[in-house]
Amino acid sequence: MKAINRLAPAHEHEFEARHGLPEALPQGERLLWQGSPSAALVAVQALHIRKVAAYFALLLGWRLASDLHDGAGWAAALAGCAGMLAPIVLALGLIGAMAWLVARTSVYTLTDRRVVMRIGVVLSITFNLPLARIASADLRQRRHSADIALTLAGDERIAYPHLWPHARPWQLRSPQPMLRALPAAEAAALSALLAPALRQAHATPGADAAVKPAAGSAHPLPQRAVRAVQTVQAVPPVRTHEAAPEAAHAGA
């Protein structure tokens, strides 16, 4: 079973050696944190289910007002609106199901050497991001959740469609992988571990070298050696951005 090179996707197979990982971690590498996005938060923030529901509500109001204006009685006008409910409920149900599938099939993993993102509903893809290739991490806090966007060092990039919805919105030219729709408590725990792990990765000589597999491992996590990061002199703590109160429940 094949894992992914740092920024090139590879499809998963029927099973995982360890939850969220296509292979067992090499000897000496420690698992620091693992989690998944919240389905409800994905529906609201990534798939904008509230905005879609508001749009349908406006359509129903327009239909009701139009029928009444044309002389139809309340019974006929309400019956016309009732006929629209089935497709509206179906559409909202599909969005909710999609959010549930995204949350169920996504696993974010932090080790002392890398961030691993296992994502994908139909075709599962694993992205293996060495900490030495992550220039910075931005924490965007909301009322009950938070997102952590990762800025990659160097010229290599992951295509935005490969990442979505696990990508920072509107960063199309330089897509940023994003650990998205995390409950506030999990995001706080992750950021507390990620900041020192990034500093350690950039401070340790040879931290950007390929990870050596465990002895006797038939299928190690493959990773190409990477160049030393020239543009990053020191990695600051995870930056925090407070979302505006009125946008607390809006899409990212």
C-alpha atoms as a PDB file:
ATOM      1  CA  MET A   1       0.000   0.000   0.000  1.00  0.00           C
ATOM      2  CA  LYS A   2       1.441   3.287  -1.100  1.00  0.00           C
ATOM      3  CA  ALA A   3       1.532   6.512   0.875  1.00  0.00           C
ATOM      4  CA  ILE A   4       2.057   9.937  -0.572  1.00  0.00           C
ATOM      5  CA  ASN A   5       5.132  11.946  -1.229  1.00  0.00           C
ATOM      6  CA  ARG A   6       5.034  15.275   0.565  1.00  0.00           C
ATOM      7  CA  LEU A   7       2.779  17.193  -1.784  1.00  0.00           C
ATOM      8  CA  ALA A   8       1.727  14.591  -4.351  1.00  0.00           C
ATOM      9  CA  PRO A   9      -1.519  12.735  -3.600  1.00  0.00           C
ATOM     10  CA  ALA A  10      -1.864   8.968  -3.498  1.00  0.00           C
ATOM     11  CA  HIS A  11      -5.073   7.000  -3.152  1.00  0.00           C
ATOM     12  CA  GLU A  12      -5.757   4.839  -0.152  1.00  0.00           C
ATOM     13  CA  HIS A  13      -6.690   1.167  -0.310  1.00  0.00           C
ATOM     14  CA  GLU A  14      -9.183  -0.883   1.633  1.00  0.00           C
ATOM     15  CA  PHE A  15      -7.537  -0.616   5.028  1.00  0.00           C
ATOM     16  CA  GLU A  16      -5.112   1.426   7.051  1.00  0.00           C
ATOM     17  CA  ALA A  17      -2.248   0.191   9.154  1.00  0.00           C
ATOM     18  CA  ARG A  18      -3.235   2.831  11.684  1.00  0.00           C
ATOM     19  CA  HIS A  19      -6.265   5.089  11.846  1.00  0.00           C
ATOM     20  CA  GLY A  20      -5.734   8.079   9.554  1.00  0.00           C
ATOM     21  CA  LEU A  21      -2.348   6.802   8.336  1.00  0.00           C
ATOM     22  CA  PRO A  22      -1.650   4.547   5.357  1.00  0.00           C
ATOM     23  CA  GLU A  23       1.333   3.022   7.174  1.00  0.00           C
ATOM     24  CA  ALA A  24       2.556   2.625  10.709  1.00  0.00           C
ATOM     25  CA  LEU A  25       4.761   5.474  11.880  1.00  0.00           C
ATOM     26  CA  PRO A  26       8.509   4.899  11.490  1.00  0.00           C
ATOM     27  CA  GLN A  27      10.477   4.087  14.607  1.00  0.00           C
ATOM     28  CA  GLY A  28      11.213   7.194  16.655  1.00  0.00           C
ATOM     29  CA  GLU A  29       8.306   9.248  15.313  1.00  0.00           C
ATOM     30  CA  ARG A  30       5.646  10.144  17.895  1.00  0.00           C
ATOM     31  CA  LEU A  31       1.951  10.760  17.399  1.00  0.00           C
ATOM     32  CA  LEU A  32       1.077  14.076  19.083  1.00  0.00           C
ATOM     33  CA  TRP A  33      -2.550  14.667  18.089  1.00  0.00           C
ATOM     34  CA  GLN A  34      -5.261  13.298  15.862  1.00  0.00           C
ATOM     35  CA  GLY A  35      -8.747  14.568  15.109  1.00  0.00           C
ATOM     36  CA  SER A  36     -11.444  15.165  12.514  1.00  0.00           C
ATOM     37  CA  PRO A  37     -13.629  18.091  11.480  1.00  0.00           C
ATOM     38  CA  SER A  38     -17.141  18.455  12.885  1.00  0.00           C
ATOM     39  CA  ALA A  39     -19.885  17.542  10.418  1.00  0.00           C
ATOM     40  CA  ALA A  40     -22.131  20.370  11.648  1.00  0.00           C
ATOM     41  CA  LEU A  41     -19.324  22.903  11.295  1.00  0.00           C
ATOM     42  CA  VAL A  42     -18.427  21.642   7.821  1.00  0.00           C
ATOM     43  CA  ALA A  43     -22.057  22.085   6.774  1.00  0.00           C
ATOM     44  CA  VAL A  44     -22.164  25.665   8.053  1.00  0.00           C
ATOM     45  CA  GLN A  45     -18.666  26.925   7.272  1.00  0.00           C
ATOM     46  CA  ALA A  46     -17.594  25.017   4.161  1.00  0.00           C
ATOM     47  CA  LEU A  47     -20.893  24.111   2.465  1.00  0.00           C
ATOM     48  CA  HIS A  48     -22.793  27.206   3.668  1.00  0.00           C
ATOM     49  CA  ILE A  49     -25.980  25.344   4.502  1.00  0.00           C
ATOM     50  CA  ARG A  50     -27.397  28.345   6.381  1.00  0.00           C
ATOM     51  CA  LYS A  51     -27.004  30.600   3.369  1.00  0.00           C
ATOM     52  CA  VAL A  52     -28.646  27.995   1.145  1.00  0.00           C
ATOM     53  CA  ALA A  53     -31.518  27.661   3.618  1.00  0.00           C
ATOM     54  CA  ALA A  54     -31.930  31.458   3.695  1.00  0.00           C
ATOM     55  CA  TYR A  55     -32.039  31.517  -0.115  1.00  0.00           C
ATOM     56  CA  PHE A  56     -34.786  28.892  -0.152  1.00  0.00           C
ATOM     57  CA  ALA A  57     -36.681  30.823   2.512  1.00  0.00           C
ATOM     58  CA  LEU A  58     -36.596  33.908   0.276  1.00  0.00           C
ATOM     59  CA  LEU A  59     -37.903  31.838  -2.647  1.00  0.00           C
ATOM     60  CA  LEU A  60     -40.795  30.569  -0.526  1.00  0.00           C
ATOM     61  CA  GLY A  61     -41.603  34.105   0.611  1.00  0.00           C
ATOM     62  CA  TRP A  62     -41.488  35.369  -2.967  1.00  0.00           C
ATOM     63  CA  ARG A  63     -43.759  32.563  -4.151  1.00  0.00           C
ATOM     64  CA  LEU A  64     -46.254  33.238  -1.351  1.00  0.00           C
ATOM     65  CA  ALA A  65     -46.278  36.993  -1.977  1.00  0.00           C
ATOM     66  CA  SER A  66     -46.615  36.513  -5.749  1.00  0.00           C
ATOM     67  CA  ASP A  67     -49.587  34.152  -5.406  1.00  0.00           C
ATOM     68  CA  LEU A  68     -51.342  36.474  -3.004  1.00  0.00           C
ATOM     69  CA  HIS A  69     -50.674  39.443  -5.279  1.00  0.00           C
ATOM     70  CA  ASP A  70     -52.177  37.558  -8.216  1.00  0.00           C
ATOM     71  CA  GLY A  71     -55.395  37.039  -6.290  1.00  0.00           C
ATOM     72  CA  ALA A  72     -54.961  33.510  -4.996  1.00  0.00           C
ATOM     73  CA  GLY A  73     -56.351  32.776  -1.578  1.00  0.00           C
ATOM     74  CA  TRP A  74     -54.234  31.847   1.404  1.00  0.00           C
ATOM     75  CA  ALA A  75     -55.053  28.164   1.003  1.00  0.00           C
ATOM     76  CA  ALA A  76     -53.953  28.096  -2.640  1.00  0.00           C
ATOM     77  CA  ALA A  77     -50.849  30.187  -1.939  1.00  0.00           C
ATOM     78  CA  LEU A  78     -49.767  27.936   0.930  1.00  0.00           C
ATOM     79  CA  ALA A  79     -50.438  24.853  -1.189  1.00  0.00           C
ATOM     80  CA  GLY A  80     -48.135  26.260  -3.867  1.00  0.00           C
ATOM     81  CA  CYS A  81     -45.389  26.801  -1.281  1.00  0.00           C
ATOM     82  CA  ALA A  82     -45.904  23.306   0.093  1.00  0.00           C
ATOM     83  CA  GLY A  83     -45.140  21.904  -3.342  1.00  0.00           C
ATOM     84  CA  MET A  84     -41.678  23.480  -3.134  1.00  0.00           C
ATOM     85  CA  LEU A  85     -40.824  21.938   0.233  1.00  0.00           C
ATOM     86  CA  ALA A  86     -39.864  18.477  -1.047  1.00  0.00           C
ATOM     87  CA  PRO A  87     -37.000  19.617  -3.343  1.00  0.00           C
ATOM     88  CA  ILE A  88     -35.847  22.128  -0.708  1.00  0.00           C
ATOM     89  CA  VAL A  89     -35.669  19.459   2.001  1.00  0.00           C
ATOM     90  CA  LEU A  90     -33.904  17.135  -0.440  1.00  0.00           C
ATOM     91  CA  ALA A  91     -31.291  19.780  -1.300  1.00  0.00           C
ATOM     92  CA  LEU A  92     -30.594  20.611   2.339  1.00  0.00           C
ATOM     93  CA  GLY A  93     -30.459  16.911   3.153  1.00  0.00           C
ATOM     94  CA  LEU A  94     -27.859  16.332   0.436  1.00  0.00           C
ATOM     95  CA  ILE A  95     -25.714  19.152   1.814  1.00  0.00           C
ATOM     96  CA  GLY A  96     -25.984  17.695   5.308  1.00  0.00           C
ATOM     97  CA  ALA A  97     -25.086  14.224   4.020  1.00  0.00           C
ATOM     98  CA  MET A  98     -22.090  15.625   2.158  1.00  0.00           C
ATOM     99  CA  ALA A  99     -20.897  17.383   5.322  1.00  0.00           C
ATOM    100  CA  TRP A 100     -21.259  14.143   7.277  1.00  0.00           C
ATOM    101  CA  LEU A 101     -19.252  12.222   4.681  1.00  0.00           C
ATOM    102  CA  VAL A 102     -16.501  14.869   4.641  1.00  0.00           C
ATOM    103  CA  ALA A 103     -16.208  14.716   8.428  1.00  0.00           C
ATOM    104  CA  ARG A 104     -16.360  10.931   8.552  1.00  0.00           C
ATOM    105  CA  THR A 105     -13.668  10.383   5.918  1.00  0.00           C
ATOM    106  CA  SER A 106     -11.255  13.131   7.063  1.00  0.00           C
ATOM    107  CA  VAL A 107      -8.544  12.599   9.646  1.00  0.00           C
ATOM    108  CA  TYR A 108      -5.896  15.158  10.612  1.00  0.00           C
ATOM    109  CA  THR A 109      -2.754  13.837  12.280  1.00  0.00           C
ATOM    110  CA  LEU A 110       0.147  15.689  13.880  1.00  0.00           C
ATOM    111  CA  THR A 111       3.380  13.921  14.713  1.00  0.00           C
ATOM    112  CA  ASP A 112       6.674  15.389  15.847  1.00  0.00           C
ATOM    113  CA  ARG A 113       7.806  15.330  12.202  1.00  0.00           C
ATOM    114  CA  ARG A 114       4.819  15.954   9.973  1.00  0.00           C
ATOM    115  CA  VAL A 115       1.188  16.858   9.470  1.00  0.00           C
ATOM    116  CA  VAL A 116      -0.802  14.138   7.722  1.00  0.00           C
ATOM    117  CA  MET A 117      -4.163  14.902   6.111  1.00  0.00           C
ATOM    118  CA  ARG A 118      -6.273  11.940   5.042  1.00  0.00           C
ATOM    119  CA  ILE A 119      -9.164  13.399   3.067  1.00  0.00           C
ATOM    120  CA  GLY A 120     -11.540  12.494   0.255  1.00  0.00           C
ATOM    121  CA  VAL A 121     -15.079  11.117   0.140  1.00  0.00           C
ATOM    122  CA  VAL A 122     -15.076   8.995  -3.018  1.00  0.00           C
ATOM    123  CA  LEU A 123     -11.315   8.572  -3.488  1.00  0.00           C
ATOM    124  CA  SER A 124      -9.299   8.868  -0.300  1.00  0.00           C
ATOM    125  CA  ILE A 125      -6.076  10.872  -0.570  1.00  0.00           C
ATOM    126  CA  THR A 126      -3.311  11.317   1.981  1.00  0.00           C
ATOM    127  CA  PHE A 127      -1.123  14.428   2.094  1.00  0.00           C
ATOM    128  CA  ASN A 128       2.079  14.086   4.076  1.00  0.00           C
ATOM    129  CA  LEU A 129       3.491  17.526   5.017  1.00  0.00           C
ATOM    130  CA  PRO A 130       6.850  17.547   6.845  1.00  0.00           C
ATOM    131  CA  LEU A 131       6.976  20.215   9.535  1.00  0.00           C
ATOM    132  CA  ALA A 132      10.179  21.587   8.036  1.00  0.00           C
ATOM    133  CA  ARG A 133       8.240  22.417   4.870  1.00  0.00           C
ATOM    134  CA  ILE A 134       5.551  24.361   6.746  1.00  0.00           C
ATOM    135  CA  ALA A 135       6.550  28.020   6.983  1.00  0.00           C
ATOM    136  CA  SER A 136       3.786  29.090   9.366  1.00  0.00           C
ATOM    137  CA  ALA A 137       0.387  28.188  10.759  1.00  0.00           C
ATOM    138  CA  ASP A 138      -2.527  30.595  11.196  1.00  0.00           C
ATOM    139  CA  LEU A 139      -5.249  29.932  13.750  1.00  0.00           C
ATOM    140  CA  ARG A 140      -8.604  31.539  12.965  1.00  0.00           C
ATOM    141  CA  GLN A 141     -10.898  31.354  15.956  1.00  0.00           C
ATOM    142  CA  ARG A 142     -14.679  31.450  15.792  1.00  0.00           C
ATOM    143  CA  ARG A 143     -17.272  31.284  18.549  1.00  0.00           C
ATOM    144  CA  HIS A 144     -17.307  27.501  18.915  1.00  0.00           C
ATOM    145  CA  SER A 145     -14.668  26.370  16.434  1.00  0.00           C
ATOM    146  CA  ALA A 146     -11.387  27.220  14.749  1.00  0.00           C
ATOM    147  CA  ASP A 147      -9.442  26.579  11.545  1.00  0.00           C
ATOM    148  CA  ILE A 148      -5.679  26.208  11.191  1.00  0.00           C
ATOM    149  CA  ALA A 149      -4.232  27.142   7.787  1.00  0.00           C
ATOM    150  CA  LEU A 150      -0.726  25.972   6.862  1.00  0.00           C
ATOM    151  CA  THR A 151       1.569  28.065   4.669  1.00  0.00           C
ATOM    152  CA  LEU A 152       3.962  25.857   2.716  1.00  0.00           C
ATOM    153  CA  ALA A 153       7.573  26.882   2.176  1.00  0.00           C
ATOM    154  CA  GLY A 154       9.228  26.673  -1.213  1.00  0.00           C
ATOM    155  CA  ASP A 155       7.676  26.586  -4.661  1.00  0.00           C
ATOM    156  CA  GLU A 156       5.736  23.306  -4.514  1.00  0.00           C
ATOM    157  CA  ARG A 157       1.986  23.616  -4.151  1.00  0.00           C
ATOM    158  CA  ILE A 158      -1.064  21.387  -3.836  1.00  0.00           C
ATOM    159  CA  ALA A 159      -3.835  22.043  -6.331  1.00  0.00           C
ATOM    160  CA  TYR A 160      -6.828  23.760  -4.744  1.00  0.00           C
ATOM    161  CA  PRO A 161      -9.358  21.196  -6.080  1.00  0.00           C
ATOM    162  CA  HIS A 162      -7.332  18.389  -4.489  1.00  0.00           C
ATOM    163  CA  LEU A 163      -7.604  20.065  -1.092  1.00  0.00           C
ATOM    164  CA  TRP A 164     -11.155  21.437  -1.083  1.00  0.00           C
ATOM    165  CA  PRO A 165     -12.869  21.795   1.349  1.00  0.00           C
ATOM    166  CA  HIS A 166      -9.680  21.421   3.393  1.00  0.00           C
ATOM    167  CA  ALA A 167      -8.167  24.577   1.892  1.00  0.00           C
ATOM    168  CA  ARG A 168      -8.091  28.180   2.999  1.00  0.00           C
ATOM    169  CA  PRO A 169     -10.834  29.985   1.058  1.00  0.00           C
ATOM    170  CA  TRP A 170      -9.846  32.170  -1.909  1.00  0.00           C
ATOM    171  CA  GLN A 171      -6.153  31.281  -1.763  1.00  0.00           C
ATOM    172  CA  LEU A 172      -6.189  30.010  -5.347  1.00  0.00           C
ATOM    173  CA  ARG A 173      -2.718  30.988  -6.570  1.00  0.00           C
ATOM    174  CA  SER A 174      -0.963  29.657  -3.482  1.00  0.00           C
ATOM    175  CA  PRO A 175      -3.352  27.114  -1.937  1.00  0.00           C
ATOM    176  CA  GLN A 176      -2.963  26.570   1.793  1.00  0.00           C
ATOM    177  CA  PRO A 177      -3.948  23.240   3.367  1.00  0.00           C
ATOM    178  CA  MET A 178      -6.335  23.909   6.242  1.00  0.00           C
ATOM    179  CA  LEU A 179      -7.315  21.791   9.217  1.00  0.00           C
ATOM    180  CA  ARG A 180     -10.903  22.901   9.035  1.00  0.00           C
ATOM    181  CA  ALA A 181     -14.014  23.044  11.220  1.00  0.00           C
ATOM    182  CA  LEU A 182     -12.349  21.821  14.398  1.00  0.00           C
ATOM    183  CA  PRO A 183     -14.216  22.188  17.690  1.00  0.00           C
ATOM    184  CA  ALA A 184     -12.668  24.962  19.777  1.00  0.00           C
ATOM    185  CA  ALA A 185     -11.217  22.623  22.419  1.00  0.00           C
ATOM    186  CA  GLU A 186      -9.535  20.399  19.826  1.00  0.00           C
ATOM    187  CA  ALA A 187      -8.172  23.383  17.896  1.00  0.00           C
ATOM    188  CA  ALA A 188      -6.696  24.833  21.092  1.00  0.00           C
ATOM    189  CA  ALA A 189      -5.023  21.531  21.948  1.00  0.00           C
ATOM    190  CA  LEU A 190      -3.651  21.205  18.415  1.00  0.00           C
ATOM    191  CA  SER A 191      -2.285  24.755  18.246  1.00  0.00           C
ATOM    192  CA  ALA A 192      -0.557  24.298  21.604  1.00  0.00           C
ATOM    193  CA  LEU A 193       1.278  21.276  20.166  1.00  0.00           C
ATOM    194  CA  LEU A 194       1.835  22.558  16.628  1.00  0.00           C
ATOM    195  CA  ALA A 195       3.665  25.788  17.482  1.00  0.00           C
ATOM    196  CA  PRO A 196       6.539  24.164  19.448  1.00  0.00           C
ATOM    197  CA  ALA A 197       6.684  21.273  16.973  1.00  0.00           C
ATOM    198  CA  LEU A 198       7.213  23.745  14.107  1.00  0.00           C
ATOM    199  CA  ARG A 199       9.913  25.609  16.024  1.00  0.00           C
ATOM    200  CA  GLN A 200      11.668  22.362  16.860  1.00  0.00           C
ATOM    201  CA  ALA A 201      11.486  21.135  13.261  1.00  0.00           C
ATOM    202  CA  HIS A 202      13.121  24.304  11.929  1.00  0.00           C
ATOM    203  CA  ALA A 203      15.687  24.501  14.708  1.00  0.00           C
ATOM    204  CA  THR A 204      16.878  20.907  14.427  1.00  0.00           C
ATOM    205  CA  PRO A 205      19.690  20.370  11.874  1.00  0.00           C
ATOM    206  CA  GLY A 206      18.601  17.911   9.216  1.00  0.00           C
ATOM    207  CA  ALA A 207      14.962  18.098  10.288  1.00  0.00           C
ATOM    208  CA  ASP A 208      13.911  18.354   6.675  1.00  0.00           C
ATOM    209  CA  ALA A 209      15.616  15.135   5.648  1.00  0.00           C
ATOM    210  CA  ALA A 210      13.651  12.085   4.664  1.00  0.00           C
ATOM    211  CA  VAL A 211      12.199  10.135   7.564  1.00  0.00           C
ATOM    212  CA  LYS A 212      13.870   6.797   8.008  1.00  0.00           C
ATOM    213  CA  PRO A 213      11.555   3.770   8.169  1.00  0.00           C
ATOM    214  CA  ALA A 214      11.393   1.462  11.121  1.00  0.00           C
ATOM    215  CA  ALA A 215      13.636  -1.557  10.958  1.00  0.00           C
ATOM    216  CA  GLY A 216      11.943  -4.423   9.191  1.00  0.00           C
ATOM    217  CA  SER A 217       9.069  -2.275   7.931  1.00  0.00           C
ATOM    218  CA  ALA A 218       7.967  -3.474   4.523  1.00  0.00           C
ATOM    219  CA  HIS A 219       5.934  -0.351   3.742  1.00  0.00           C
ATOM    220  CA  PRO A 220       7.414   2.766   5.329  1.00  0.00           C
ATOM    221  CA  LEU A 221       5.882   6.183   4.847  1.00  0.00           C
ATOM    222  CA  PRO A 222       7.844   7.340   1.762  1.00  0.00           C
ATOM    223  CA  GLN A 223       9.149  10.882   1.726  1.00  0.00           C
ATOM    224  CA  ARG A 224      11.635  12.571  -0.548  1.00  0.00           C
ATOM    225  CA  ALA A 225      14.475  14.524   0.987  1.00  0.00           C
ATOM    226  CA  VAL A 226      13.702  18.231   0.850  1.00  0.00           C
ATOM    227  CA  ARG A 227      15.828  21.311   0.534  1.00  0.00           C
ATOM    228  CA  ALA A 228      16.697  23.354   3.567  1.00  0.00           C
ATOM    229  CA  VAL A 229      14.224  26.145   4.101  1.00  0.00           C
ATOM    230  CA  GLN A 230      15.940  29.374   3.078  1.00  0.00           C
ATOM    231  CA  THR A 231      13.048  31.782   3.506  1.00  0.00           C
ATOM    232  CA  VAL A 232      12.172  30.883   7.073  1.00  0.00           C
ATOM    233  CA  GLN A 233      14.577  32.120   9.728  1.00  0.00           C
ATOM    234  CA  ALA A 234      12.392  31.393  12.718  1.00  0.00           C
ATOM    235  CA  VAL A 235       8.926  29.985  13.008  1.00  0.00           C
ATOM    236  CA  PRO A 236       6.645  32.136  15.186  1.00  0.00           C
ATOM    237  CA  PRO A 237       3.909  30.669  17.364  1.00  0.00           C
ATOM    238  CA  VAL A 238       0.664  29.850  15.656  1.00  0.00           C
ATOM    239  CA  ARG A 239      -0.903  33.199  14.778  1.00  0.00           C
ATOM    240  CA  THR A 240      -4.407  33.792  16.015  1.00  0.00           C
ATOM    241  CA  HIS A 241      -7.118  35.698  14.194  1.00  0.00           C
ATOM    242  CA  GLU A 242     -10.413  36.455  15.900  1.00  0.00           C
ATOM    243  CA  ALA A 243     -13.401  36.244  13.572  1.00  0.00           C
ATOM    244  CA  ALA A 244     -15.767  39.221  13.663  1.00  0.00           C
ATOM    245  CA  PRO A 245     -18.765  38.590  15.975  1.00  0.00           C
ATOM    246  CA  GLU A 246     -21.279  39.056  13.195  1.00  0.00           C
ATOM    247  CA  ALA A 247     -19.377  36.507  11.065  1.00  0.00           C
ATOM    248  CA  ALA A 248     -19.059  33.937  13.809  1.00  0.00           C
ATOM    249  CA  HIS A 249     -21.449  31.553  12.091  1.00  0.00           C
ATOM    250  CA  ALA A 250     -20.777  32.631   8.506  1.00  0.00           C
ATOM    251  CA  GLY A 251     -18.832  30.686   5.916  1.00  0.00           C
ATOM    252  CA  ALA A 252     -15.055  30.849   5.901  1.00  0.00           C
END
